[in-house]
Protein backbone atom coordinates (compact mmCIF):
# COMPACT_ATOMS: atom_id res chain seq x y z
CA UNK A 1 25.63 -20.75 -21.25
CA UNK A 2 28.44 -21.12 -18.71
CA UNK A 3 29.47 -24.41 -20.31
CA UNK A 4 29.58 -23.03 -23.85
CA UNK A 5 33.36 -22.76 -23.55
CA UNK A 6 33.63 -26.55 -23.45
CA UNK A 7 31.83 -26.85 -26.76
CA UNK A 8 33.94 -24.14 -28.35
CA UNK A 9 37.21 -25.51 -26.97
CA UNK A 10 36.41 -29.02 -28.19
CA UNK A 11 36.38 -27.75 -31.78
CA UNK A 12 39.93 -26.32 -31.64
CA UNK A 13 42.22 -28.12 -34.08
CA UNK A 14 45.33 -27.12 -36.08
CA UNK A 15 43.28 -27.13 -39.29
CA UNK A 16 40.23 -25.43 -37.82
CA UNK A 17 39.09 -21.86 -38.41
CA UNK A 18 40.66 -19.68 -35.69
CA UNK A 19 37.84 -18.16 -33.63
CA UNK A 20 38.14 -16.38 -30.29
CA UNK A 21 36.56 -18.18 -27.35
CA UNK A 22 33.16 -17.04 -25.99
CA UNK A 23 32.94 -14.58 -23.06
CA UNK A 24 32.23 -17.36 -20.53
CA UNK A 25 35.77 -18.60 -21.15
CA UNK A 26 37.05 -15.36 -19.61
CA UNK A 27 34.45 -14.89 -16.87
CA UNK A 28 32.95 -18.12 -15.55
CA UNK A 29 33.76 -19.62 -12.16
CA UNK A 30 33.64 -23.18 -13.51
CA UNK A 31 36.30 -22.30 -16.09
CA UNK A 32 38.54 -20.92 -13.36
CA UNK A 33 38.08 -23.98 -11.16
CA UNK A 34 39.00 -26.28 -14.04
CA UNK A 35 42.06 -24.17 -14.87
CA UNK A 36 43.36 -24.20 -11.31
CA UNK A 37 42.86 -27.95 -10.96
CA UNK A 38 44.08 -29.09 -14.39
CA UNK A 39 46.37 -26.30 -15.59
CA UNK A 40 48.03 -24.43 -12.74
CA UNK A 41 48.35 -26.97 -9.92
CA UNK A 42 50.14 -29.49 -12.17
CA UNK A 43 51.90 -26.77 -14.19
CA UNK A 44 55.21 -24.94 -13.87
CA UNK A 45 54.79 -21.41 -12.50
CA UNK A 46 57.48 -18.74 -12.65
CA UNK A 47 58.14 -17.04 -9.31
CA UNK A 48 61.07 -14.67 -9.76
CA UNK A 49 64.59 -14.25 -11.10
CA UNK A 50 67.46 -16.22 -9.60
CA UNK A 51 69.50 -13.05 -9.11
CA UNK A 52 66.84 -11.80 -6.68
CA UNK A 53 67.94 -14.59 -4.33
CA UNK A 54 71.60 -14.75 -5.27
CA UNK A 55 73.24 -15.40 -1.87
CA UNK A 56 72.76 -18.10 0.74
CA UNK A 57 70.01 -16.91 3.08
CA UNK A 58 68.30 -14.64 0.55
CA UNK A 59 64.55 -15.22 0.42
CA UNK A 60 61.38 -13.99 -1.24
CA UNK A 61 57.97 -14.68 0.30
CA UNK A 62 55.02 -14.66 -2.10
CA UNK A 63 51.64 -16.23 -2.68
CA UNK A 64 50.26 -17.99 -5.72
CA UNK A 65 46.83 -19.59 -5.98
CA UNK A 66 46.30 -18.86 -2.25
CA UNK A 67 49.43 -20.89 -1.50
CA UNK A 68 52.05 -19.06 0.63
CA UNK A 69 55.58 -19.91 -0.54
CA UNK A 70 59.18 -19.00 0.27
CA UNK A 71 61.82 -18.96 -2.44
CA UNK A 72 65.23 -19.17 -0.81
CA UNK A 73 68.82 -20.22 -1.37
CA UNK A 74 70.47 -22.66 1.00
CA UNK A 75 73.84 -24.40 0.85
CA UNK A 76 72.17 -27.03 -1.32
CA UNK A 77 70.86 -24.51 -3.86
CA UNK A 78 67.51 -22.96 -4.76
CA UNK A 79 64.58 -24.11 -2.67
CA UNK A 80 60.85 -23.40 -2.71
CA UNK A 81 59.27 -24.10 0.67
CA UNK A 82 55.79 -23.87 2.11
CA UNK A 83 55.48 -20.61 4.03
CA UNK A 84 53.19 -22.20 6.63
CA UNK A 85 54.37 -23.32 10.05
CA UNK A 86 53.77 -27.03 10.70
CA UNK A 87 52.53 -26.25 14.21
CA UNK A 88 49.28 -24.31 13.74
CA UNK A 89 49.52 -22.73 10.33
CA UNK A 90 51.02 -19.29 10.84
CA UNK A 91 52.98 -17.79 7.97
CA UNK A 92 56.70 -17.72 8.64
CA UNK A 93 58.08 -14.94 6.47
CA UNK A 94 57.00 -11.80 4.65
CA UNK A 95 58.55 -9.70 1.92
CA UNK A 96 62.13 -10.11 0.79
CA UNK A 97 65.38 -10.23 2.72
CA UNK A 98 68.18 -12.39 4.09
CA UNK A 99 68.12 -14.72 7.07
CA UNK A 100 69.83 -17.75 8.59
CA UNK A 101 66.58 -19.42 9.55
CA UNK A 102 62.81 -18.99 9.47
CA UNK A 103 61.18 -18.51 12.88
CA UNK A 104 57.43 -18.58 13.32
CA UNK A 105 56.25 -15.29 14.86
CA UNK A 106 53.45 -17.12 16.71
CA UNK A 107 55.15 -19.87 18.77
CA UNK A 108 58.80 -19.62 17.65
CA UNK A 109 59.08 -22.90 15.81
CA UNK A 110 62.28 -22.50 13.79
CA UNK A 111 63.33 -24.02 10.47
CA UNK A 112 66.61 -23.96 8.58
CA UNK A 113 66.94 -22.83 4.97
CA UNK A 114 66.23 -26.34 3.70
CA UNK A 115 62.95 -26.44 5.66
CA UNK A 116 64.10 -28.77 8.42
CA UNK A 117 62.59 -28.07 11.86
CA UNK A 118 65.45 -27.24 14.25
CA UNK A 119 63.57 -25.85 17.27
CA UNK A 120 60.11 -26.31 18.80
CA UNK A 121 60.02 -24.72 22.27
CA UNK A 122 58.96 -27.06 25.12
CA UNK A 123 58.20 -29.98 22.84
CA UNK A 124 61.47 -31.95 22.95
CA UNK A 125 60.18 -34.19 25.75
CA UNK A 126 56.67 -34.50 24.36
CA UNK A 127 55.88 -38.23 23.83
CA UNK A 128 55.87 -39.12 20.14
CA UNK A 129 57.22 -35.77 18.98
CA UNK A 130 59.92 -35.96 16.30
CA UNK A 131 61.38 -32.87 14.65
CA UNK A 132 62.05 -34.91 11.51
CA UNK A 133 58.30 -35.36 11.05
CA UNK A 134 57.64 -31.61 11.00
CA UNK A 135 59.76 -30.18 8.22
CA UNK A 136 58.32 -27.70 5.73
CA UNK A 137 57.00 -29.16 2.48
CA UNK A 138 59.43 -28.52 -0.39
CA UNK A 139 58.36 -28.26 -4.02
CA UNK A 140 60.06 -29.09 -7.33
CA UNK A 141 62.05 -26.11 -8.57
CA UNK A 142 63.70 -25.40 -11.92
CA UNK A 143 65.76 -22.56 -13.31
CA UNK A 144 65.47 -21.60 -16.98
CA UNK A 145 67.43 -18.69 -18.49
CA UNK A 146 67.69 -17.19 -14.99
CA UNK A 147 63.97 -17.47 -14.18
CA UNK A 148 62.89 -19.62 -11.22
CA UNK A 149 59.89 -21.92 -11.65
CA UNK A 150 57.99 -24.07 -9.16
CA UNK A 151 55.57 -26.95 -9.54
CA UNK A 152 53.11 -27.80 -6.76
CA UNK A 153 52.86 -31.36 -8.06
CA UNK A 154 55.74 -33.54 -6.85
CA UNK A 155 55.23 -35.89 -9.80
CA UNK A 156 55.40 -33.23 -12.50
CA UNK A 157 57.35 -33.75 -15.71
CA UNK A 158 60.65 -31.81 -15.47
CA UNK A 159 60.34 -28.33 -16.96
CA UNK A 160 63.62 -28.34 -18.85
CA UNK A 161 62.67 -31.52 -20.70
CA UNK A 162 59.59 -29.70 -22.03
CA UNK A 163 61.61 -26.74 -23.34
CA UNK A 164 64.27 -28.49 -25.42
CA UNK A 165 62.70 -27.23 -28.67
CA UNK A 166 62.42 -23.69 -27.29
CA UNK A 167 66.03 -23.35 -26.12
CA UNK A 168 67.65 -22.91 -29.57
CA UNK A 169 65.31 -19.96 -30.25
CA UNK A 170 66.49 -17.97 -27.24
CA UNK A 171 69.88 -19.39 -26.23
CA UNK A 172 71.94 -16.71 -28.02
CA UNK A 173 70.22 -13.93 -26.06
CA UNK A 174 71.79 -15.29 -22.85
CA UNK A 175 69.05 -13.92 -20.63
CA UNK A 176 70.63 -15.84 -17.76
CA UNK A 177 73.43 -13.23 -17.78
CA UNK A 178 71.01 -10.32 -17.37
CA UNK A 179 70.08 -9.01 -13.94
CA UNK A 180 66.96 -7.49 -12.46
CA UNK A 181 66.31 -3.81 -13.07
CA UNK A 182 62.73 -3.82 -11.75
CA UNK A 183 60.18 -6.24 -10.30
CA UNK A 184 56.78 -5.68 -8.75
CA UNK A 185 53.49 -7.45 -8.12
CA UNK A 186 50.10 -6.09 -9.20
CA UNK A 187 46.52 -7.34 -9.43
CA UNK A 188 44.60 -6.39 -12.58
CA UNK A 189 40.82 -6.81 -12.76
CA UNK A 190 41.00 -8.86 -15.94
CA UNK A 191 40.98 -12.58 -16.67
CA UNK A 192 44.49 -14.05 -16.63
CA UNK A 193 44.13 -15.45 -20.15
CA UNK A 194 43.25 -12.04 -21.55
CA UNK A 195 46.50 -10.56 -20.20
CA UNK A 196 48.61 -13.49 -21.38
CA UNK A 197 47.08 -13.39 -24.86
CA UNK A 198 47.56 -9.63 -25.07
CA UNK A 199 51.25 -9.93 -24.22
CA UNK A 200 51.69 -12.62 -26.87
CA UNK A 201 49.96 -11.16 -29.92
CA UNK A 202 51.28 -8.44 -32.17
CA UNK A 203 47.94 -7.52 -33.72
CA UNK A 204 47.36 -4.67 -31.24
CA UNK A 205 50.86 -3.16 -31.19
CA UNK A 206 50.42 -0.39 -33.74
CA UNK A 207 46.94 0.50 -32.55
CA UNK A 208 47.40 0.52 -28.76
CA UNK A 209 51.09 1.44 -28.54
CA UNK A 210 51.44 4.05 -31.27
CA UNK A 211 53.94 6.14 -29.31
CA UNK A 212 55.69 3.37 -27.37
CA UNK A 213 56.04 0.01 -29.13
CA UNK A 214 54.87 0.83 -32.67
CA UNK A 215 58.01 2.79 -33.62
CA UNK A 216 60.11 -0.19 -32.55
CA UNK A 217 58.02 -3.31 -33.26
CA UNK A 218 55.07 -2.42 -35.53
CA UNK A 219 52.34 -4.96 -36.14
CA UNK A 220 53.25 -5.37 -39.81
CA UNK A 221 56.67 -6.84 -38.91
CA UNK A 222 55.43 -9.51 -36.51
CA UNK A 223 56.00 -13.11 -37.58
CA UNK A 224 54.73 -16.29 -35.99
CA UNK A 225 57.50 -18.45 -34.52
CA UNK A 226 57.76 -22.15 -33.65
CA UNK A 227 55.59 -23.70 -30.97
CA UNK A 228 55.38 -26.91 -29.00
CA UNK A 229 53.22 -28.67 -26.39
CA UNK A 230 54.57 -26.44 -23.59
CA UNK A 231 55.20 -23.13 -25.37
CA UNK A 232 54.51 -20.81 -28.27
CA UNK A 233 56.49 -17.92 -29.79
CA UNK A 234 56.43 -15.06 -32.23
CA UNK A 235 59.11 -12.72 -33.52
CA UNK A 236 58.65 -8.98 -33.07
CA UNK A 237 60.99 -7.57 -35.73
CA UNK A 238 62.33 -4.04 -35.29
CA UNK A 239 61.57 -1.28 -37.72
CA UNK A 240 64.82 -0.67 -39.66
CA UNK A 241 64.52 3.04 -38.87
CA UNK A 242 64.28 2.49 -35.13
CA UNK A 243 67.26 3.61 -33.06
CA UNK A 244 67.85 2.58 -29.48
CA UNK A 245 69.31 -0.91 -29.29
CA UNK A 246 72.72 -0.94 -27.57
CA UNK A 247 74.52 -3.89 -25.98
CA UNK A 248 74.04 -7.31 -27.58
CA UNK A 249 75.75 -10.68 -27.11
CA UNK A 250 78.51 -11.92 -29.40
CA UNK A 251 76.64 -15.19 -29.99
CA UNK A 252 73.62 -13.49 -31.52
CA UNK A 253 72.91 -13.69 -35.24
CA UNK A 254 72.09 -10.62 -37.32
CA UNK A 255 68.42 -11.60 -37.31
CA UNK A 256 68.41 -12.02 -33.52
CA UNK A 257 69.92 -8.56 -33.10
CA UNK A 258 66.97 -7.13 -35.03
CA UNK A 259 64.04 -8.62 -33.14
CA UNK A 260 62.55 -9.46 -29.77
CA UNK A 261 61.68 -13.13 -29.29
CA UNK A 262 58.22 -13.30 -27.70
CA UNK A 263 57.92 -16.42 -25.54
CA UNK A 264 54.95 -17.98 -23.76
CA UNK A 265 55.73 -20.93 -21.47
CA UNK A 266 52.37 -22.37 -20.49
CA UNK A 267 50.40 -21.68 -18.53
CA UNK A 268 51.35 -18.21 -17.27
CA UNK A 269 54.89 -17.09 -18.10
CA UNK A 270 55.33 -14.57 -20.94
CA UNK A 271 58.47 -12.71 -21.92
CA UNK A 272 59.80 -10.36 -24.57
CA UNK A 273 63.47 -11.36 -24.78
CA UNK A 274 65.44 -8.64 -26.55
CA UNK A 275 69.13 -8.27 -27.44
CA UNK A 276 70.05 -6.32 -24.32
CA UNK A 277 67.05 -6.65 -22.00
CA UNK A 278 63.81 -8.51 -21.41
CA UNK A 279 60.36 -7.74 -20.05
CA UNK A 280 58.43 -10.58 -18.46
CA UNK A 281 55.22 -11.35 -16.61
CA UNK A 282 54.31 -14.33 -14.49
CA UNK A 283 50.53 -14.69 -14.25
CA UNK A 284 48.25 -16.58 -11.87
CA UNK A 285 44.47 -16.19 -11.56
CA UNK A 286 43.16 -14.23 -8.58
CA UNK A 287 39.52 -14.86 -9.51
CA UNK A 288 37.48 -15.31 -12.71
CA UNK A 289 38.06 -11.66 -13.59
CA UNK A 290 41.31 -10.90 -11.76
CA UNK A 291 44.94 -11.79 -12.33
CA UNK A 292 48.00 -11.48 -10.13
CA UNK A 293 51.01 -10.48 -12.18
CA UNK A 294 54.58 -10.25 -11.01
CA UNK A 295 56.28 -8.40 -13.82
CA UNK A 296 59.84 -7.32 -14.22
CA UNK A 297 62.59 -5.98 -16.42
CA UNK A 298 66.05 -7.50 -16.71
CA UNK A 299 69.02 -6.06 -18.59
CA UNK A 300 72.64 -6.61 -19.48
CA UNK A 301 75.22 -5.35 -17.01
CA UNK A 302 76.36 -2.54 -19.31
CA UNK A 303 72.94 -0.89 -19.18
CA UNK A 304 73.33 -0.32 -15.43
CA UNK A 305 76.36 1.93 -15.92
CA UNK A 306 74.10 4.85 -16.79
CA UNK A 307 70.36 5.27 -16.46
CA UNK A 308 69.41 2.96 -19.35
CA UNK A 309 68.17 0.10 -17.14
CA UNK A 310 65.94 2.52 -15.23
CA UNK A 311 64.68 3.96 -18.51
CA UNK A 312 63.78 0.49 -19.77
CA UNK A 313 61.75 -0.18 -16.62
CA UNK A 314 59.90 3.12 -17.10
CA UNK A 315 59.27 2.24 -20.76
CA UNK A 316 57.79 -1.13 -19.75
CA UNK A 317 55.58 0.54 -17.16
CA UNK A 318 54.30 2.91 -19.86
CA UNK A 319 53.21 0.24 -22.33
CA UNK A 320 51.85 -1.92 -19.48
CA UNK A 321 49.59 1.00 -18.55
CA UNK A 322 48.38 1.22 -22.15
CA UNK A 323 47.60 -2.51 -22.17
CA UNK A 324 45.87 -2.35 -18.80
CA UNK A 325 43.48 0.36 -19.97
CA UNK A 326 42.46 -1.68 -23.01
CA UNK A 327 42.13 -4.95 -21.07
CA UNK A 328 39.97 -3.41 -18.35
CA UNK A 329 37.70 -2.09 -21.08
CA UNK A 330 37.62 -5.47 -22.82
CA UNK A 331 36.75 -7.28 -19.59
CA UNK A 332 33.75 -4.98 -19.19
CA UNK A 333 32.74 -5.61 -22.79
CA UNK A 334 32.79 -9.37 -22.21
CA UNK A 335 29.90 -8.91 -19.77
CA UNK A 336 27.59 -7.92 -22.60
CA UNK A 337 24.69 -10.25 -23.39
CA UNK A 338 25.64 -9.92 -27.04
CA UNK A 339 29.40 -10.46 -26.79
CA UNK A 340 30.80 -13.33 -28.81
CA UNK A 341 34.12 -14.59 -30.07
CA UNK A 342 35.07 -13.35 -33.54
CA UNK A 343 37.61 -14.55 -36.13
CA UNK A 344 41.25 -14.29 -35.08
CA UNK A 345 43.79 -12.44 -37.23
CA UNK A 346 46.27 -14.38 -39.43
CA UNK A 347 48.87 -16.53 -37.69
CA UNK A 348 51.63 -13.88 -37.73
CA UNK A 349 49.48 -11.64 -35.55
CA UNK A 350 47.30 -13.91 -33.37
CA UNK A 351 48.51 -17.44 -34.11
CA UNK A 352 49.89 -17.76 -30.59
CA UNK A 353 46.36 -17.51 -29.20
CA UNK A 354 45.28 -20.43 -31.38
CA UNK A 355 48.29 -22.41 -30.08
CA UNK A 356 47.21 -21.61 -26.52
CA UNK A 357 43.68 -22.82 -27.15
CA UNK A 358 45.12 -26.13 -28.31
CA UNK A 359 47.14 -26.41 -25.10
CA UNK A 360 44.08 -25.68 -22.96
CA UNK A 361 42.01 -28.16 -24.91
CA UNK A 362 44.47 -30.90 -24.03
CA UNK A 363 44.57 -29.86 -20.37
CA UNK A 364 40.92 -29.07 -19.71
CA UNK A 365 39.19 -31.66 -21.88
CA UNK A 366 41.82 -34.40 -21.83
C-alpha cells in the first residue's frame, strides 16, 4: 500500500484524467525520503527576502531539512554558509542580527562574513593545521524578484535560467521593489505538498475564505496560467466590485492591475504577487505529516506610510488560519482506511496540482 503512490504517479500525463494522488503520497515515510533526496536536496529553496539582510554584516540563521544555514551579506554580496563550526560541529549563530564575524560559542573559532576561518585559538602552531582548509561550506545562492534562494547541490542548474518563461508574467509587478512587512516561521502538522497545493488552487477560495478572499478573488474568476518544467501559475482575478487596491506600478497593464499572479516555483516556493503587495510561503518538509513554513508579506513603500502594510499582514494571517484549519482536518482524513484520491476540478481551479504531479513524476521516477 505504501508504494501505491509510485503506480499512481507513473500514470500522470498531460492528456491523462486528472486524479488526486492516494493518501500514501501525503503520509508515507518512503515518499518523504524520496522527496528529500530527489526533489529538495537538488532543488532551489527560498530562504528569505533580500531586504531582510540589506546591509553588510546582516545575517539570518535558519534551518532547512535539518541543515543549519546562515544567510548573510558580505562585501562580495549575498552568501549562504553552513552554520556549523568546522572544529567540532557547534552552531555558530542564532536568530537575526548584524555582526562583523561569526564566533563559535564553544571554542571561539572565528570566521569572516565570507566563511573564511580567521582565528582558531592555540592551533596556529599545530603541525599540519591550515586555516585555509577549515572555511565554512558555501552554497549556490540566487536572487529572484527580491527573494533569496539556496541550492545544497553545488552542481545545480542556475535558478534564473529555469525561470526565463516565468519572468514576463510577473516582471511588471516589480516585487523586487517591495519590502518586508512581516515574516515568521511556523510548523504545521500537515504534509508539505498539501499546503503548497492549497496555496496554488483557487477551487477552495469561495468555500473556505468566504469573508476574507472570496470578496476579492472568488473561485469563479480564477484562470489557469502558463507553466513550465520549474513552475506553474494561475491568475486570481479580482471581483469588479471589490474595493481596496491602492498603489500599483506604472509598468503594469490593466489586466495586471486587476489580478494577483499566483506563482509556484518548485518544489516549495509559492507566492500571490499582487499590484501593491505579495504574500509568500517557503515550504520544506519537517516529517511525513509536518511542514516548516516561513511565510511573509511584502508591500510597496507607499503602504508603509500609514497602517496599510500592517493591515495586509493581519489579513494574510487571517486567511492562513482558515487554510490551516482545513488542512489539519484533511490530514486527519487521509488516515482513513477508505480514503482515496478523487477527480480534480477543471484546469482553471486545480490545474496547477496536475502540473505539480508532472514535475514530481519527472523527479521521483526519472
